């Protein structure tokens, strides 16, 4: 998925009325799944998600 589509998805998930606070993350360079919070809109940068949790900053292209 493109960077802009990831940003749009995370922006929608950040809406307070949805009350989505956690997701299961999987990255292409790891077989391990991480349960962690979802990023807020202000954590979204053009090519990556800023450091918002224990997962740390990461490029959209590594999300599986």
N, C-alpha and C. Protein backbone atom coordinates (compact mmCIF):
# COMPACT_ATOMS: atom_id res chain seq x y z
N UNK A 1 0.86 -1.16 0.00
CA UNK A 1 0.00 0.00 0.00
C UNK A 1 0.91 1.23 0.00
N UNK A 2 0.48 2.29 -0.64
CA UNK A 2 1.31 3.49 -0.73
C UNK A 2 1.33 4.25 0.59
N UNK A 3 2.33 5.11 0.74
CA UNK A 3 2.45 5.92 1.96
C UNK A 3 1.20 6.76 2.20
N UNK A 4 0.67 7.37 1.15
CA UNK A 4 -0.51 8.23 1.33
C UNK A 4 -1.74 7.41 1.77
N UNK A 5 -1.86 6.19 1.31
CA UNK A 5 -2.99 5.35 1.74
C UNK A 5 -2.84 4.95 3.20
N UNK A 6 -1.62 4.65 3.64
CA UNK A 6 -1.40 4.34 5.05
C UNK A 6 -1.75 5.55 5.91
N UNK A 7 -1.30 6.75 5.49
CA UNK A 7 -1.62 7.96 6.25
C UNK A 7 -3.12 8.19 6.33
N UNK A 8 -3.82 7.99 5.22
CA UNK A 8 -5.28 8.15 5.23
C UNK A 8 -5.94 7.16 6.17
N UNK A 9 -5.50 5.90 6.14
CA UNK A 9 -6.06 4.88 7.02
C UNK A 9 -5.83 5.25 8.48
N UNK A 10 -4.60 5.58 8.84
CA UNK A 10 -4.31 5.92 10.24
C UNK A 10 -5.03 7.18 10.68
N UNK A 11 -5.24 8.13 9.77
CA UNK A 11 -5.99 9.34 10.10
C UNK A 11 -7.45 9.00 10.41
N UNK A 12 -8.03 8.12 9.64
CA UNK A 12 -9.41 7.68 9.90
C UNK A 12 -9.50 6.93 11.23
N UNK A 13 -8.53 6.06 11.48
CA UNK A 13 -8.55 5.28 12.73
C UNK A 13 -8.36 6.16 13.96
N UNK A 14 -7.84 7.36 13.78
CA UNK A 14 -7.59 8.28 14.90
C UNK A 14 -8.85 9.04 15.33
N UNK A 15 -9.96 8.86 14.65
CA UNK A 15 -11.18 9.57 15.01
C UNK A 15 -11.67 9.09 16.37
N UNK A 16 -11.93 10.02 17.30
CA UNK A 16 -12.31 9.65 18.68
C UNK A 16 -13.58 8.81 18.76
N UNK A 17 -14.53 9.03 17.89
CA UNK A 17 -15.79 8.29 17.96
C UNK A 17 -15.61 6.80 17.64
N UNK A 18 -14.51 6.43 16.99
CA UNK A 18 -14.25 5.02 16.70
C UNK A 18 -13.67 4.28 17.90
N UNK A 19 -13.01 5.01 18.77
CA UNK A 19 -12.42 4.44 19.99
C UNK A 19 -11.49 3.26 19.70
N UNK A 20 -10.68 3.39 18.66
CA UNK A 20 -9.68 2.37 18.33
C UNK A 20 -8.36 2.81 18.97
N UNK A 21 -7.88 2.05 19.90
CA UNK A 21 -6.68 2.44 20.63
C UNK A 21 -5.54 1.45 20.49
N UNK A 22 -5.81 0.29 19.90
CA UNK A 22 -4.79 -0.74 19.81
C UNK A 22 -4.92 -1.52 18.51
N UNK A 23 -3.79 -2.01 18.03
CA UNK A 23 -3.78 -2.81 16.81
C UNK A 23 -2.71 -3.89 16.96
N UNK A 24 -2.80 -4.88 16.11
CA UNK A 24 -1.75 -5.90 16.03
C UNK A 24 -0.90 -5.55 14.81
N UNK A 25 0.37 -5.31 15.06
CA UNK A 25 1.29 -4.88 14.02
C UNK A 25 2.13 -6.06 13.55
N UNK A 26 2.34 -6.12 12.24
CA UNK A 26 3.24 -7.11 11.67
C UNK A 26 4.07 -6.40 10.60
N UNK A 27 5.36 -6.65 10.64
CA UNK A 27 6.29 -5.99 9.72
C UNK A 27 6.95 -7.01 8.82
N UNK A 28 7.30 -6.60 7.61
CA UNK A 28 7.84 -7.53 6.62
C UNK A 28 9.19 -8.10 7.02
N UNK A 29 9.93 -7.41 7.87
CA UNK A 29 11.25 -7.89 8.26
C UNK A 29 11.24 -8.67 9.58
N UNK A 30 10.05 -9.06 10.05
CA UNK A 30 9.94 -9.80 11.30
C UNK A 30 8.75 -10.75 11.23
N UNK A 31 8.90 -11.90 11.84
CA UNK A 31 7.79 -12.85 11.89
C UNK A 31 6.94 -12.64 13.14
N UNK A 32 7.39 -11.77 14.01
CA UNK A 32 6.73 -11.51 15.27
C UNK A 32 5.63 -10.45 15.11
N UNK A 33 4.49 -10.70 15.75
CA UNK A 33 3.42 -9.71 15.78
C UNK A 33 3.53 -8.90 17.06
N UNK A 34 3.26 -7.61 16.97
CA UNK A 34 3.30 -6.71 18.12
C UNK A 34 1.91 -6.15 18.37
N UNK A 35 1.45 -6.23 19.62
CA UNK A 35 0.19 -5.58 20.00
C UNK A 35 0.58 -4.23 20.58
N UNK A 36 0.07 -3.17 19.97
CA UNK A 36 0.49 -1.83 20.37
C UNK A 36 -0.60 -0.82 20.03
N UNK A 37 -0.45 0.36 20.55
CA UNK A 37 -1.42 1.42 20.27
C UNK A 37 -1.35 1.85 18.80
N UNK A 38 -2.38 2.52 18.36
CA UNK A 38 -2.41 3.05 16.99
C UNK A 38 -1.83 4.47 17.00
N UNK A 39 -1.21 4.88 15.90
CA UNK A 39 -0.63 6.22 15.87
C UNK A 39 -1.70 7.30 15.79
N UNK A 40 -1.39 8.44 16.35
CA UNK A 40 -2.25 9.62 16.23
C UNK A 40 -1.89 10.35 14.94
N UNK A 41 -2.81 11.17 14.47
CA UNK A 41 -2.60 11.88 13.20
C UNK A 41 -1.32 12.70 13.19
N UNK A 42 -0.98 13.30 14.32
CA UNK A 42 0.24 14.12 14.35
C UNK A 42 1.52 13.30 14.41
N UNK A 43 1.41 11.96 14.50
CA UNK A 43 2.58 11.08 14.42
C UNK A 43 2.91 10.67 12.99
N UNK A 44 2.07 11.06 12.05
CA UNK A 44 2.22 10.62 10.66
C UNK A 44 3.06 11.61 9.87
N UNK A 45 4.16 11.11 9.33
CA UNK A 45 5.05 11.92 8.50
C UNK A 45 4.94 11.37 7.08
N UNK A 46 5.46 12.09 6.11
CA UNK A 46 5.26 11.71 4.71
C UNK A 46 5.65 10.26 4.40
N UNK A 47 6.81 9.81 4.89
CA UNK A 47 7.28 8.47 4.52
C UNK A 47 7.36 7.50 5.69
N UNK A 48 7.01 7.95 6.89
CA UNK A 48 7.10 7.06 8.04
C UNK A 48 6.17 7.49 9.16
N UNK A 49 6.02 6.61 10.14
CA UNK A 49 5.28 6.92 11.36
C UNK A 49 6.32 7.30 12.40
N UNK A 50 6.13 8.45 13.01
CA UNK A 50 7.09 8.94 13.99
C UNK A 50 7.09 8.05 15.24
N UNK A 51 7.98 8.30 16.14
CA UNK A 51 8.14 7.51 17.37
C UNK A 51 6.95 7.73 18.29
N UNK A 52 5.97 6.83 18.25
CA UNK A 52 4.75 7.01 19.03
C UNK A 52 4.55 5.93 20.09
N UNK A 53 5.40 4.93 20.11
CA UNK A 53 5.17 3.81 21.02
C UNK A 53 6.45 3.00 21.21
N UNK A 54 6.28 1.83 21.77
CA UNK A 54 7.41 0.91 21.94
C UNK A 54 7.95 0.40 20.61
N UNK A 55 7.12 0.43 19.58
CA UNK A 55 7.54 -0.04 18.26
C UNK A 55 8.59 0.90 17.68
N UNK A 56 8.52 2.18 17.99
CA UNK A 56 9.47 3.17 17.50
C UNK A 56 9.12 3.67 16.11
N UNK A 57 9.89 4.60 15.57
CA UNK A 57 9.60 5.10 14.22
C UNK A 57 9.84 4.00 13.18
N UNK A 58 9.00 3.99 12.15
CA UNK A 58 9.16 3.00 11.08
C UNK A 58 8.55 3.53 9.80
N UNK A 59 9.09 3.09 8.68
CA UNK A 59 8.59 3.46 7.36
C UNK A 59 7.32 2.68 7.07
N UNK A 60 6.38 3.31 6.39
CA UNK A 60 5.14 2.64 6.00
C UNK A 60 5.42 1.37 5.20
N UNK A 61 6.47 1.38 4.39
CA UNK A 61 6.74 0.25 3.50
C UNK A 61 7.07 -1.03 4.26
N UNK A 62 7.35 -0.95 5.56
CA UNK A 62 7.65 -2.15 6.34
C UNK A 62 6.43 -2.77 7.00
N UNK A 63 5.27 -2.12 6.88
CA UNK A 63 4.04 -2.68 7.46
C UNK A 63 3.52 -3.76 6.53
N UNK A 64 3.19 -4.89 7.12
CA UNK A 64 2.66 -5.98 6.29
C UNK A 64 1.15 -5.94 6.31
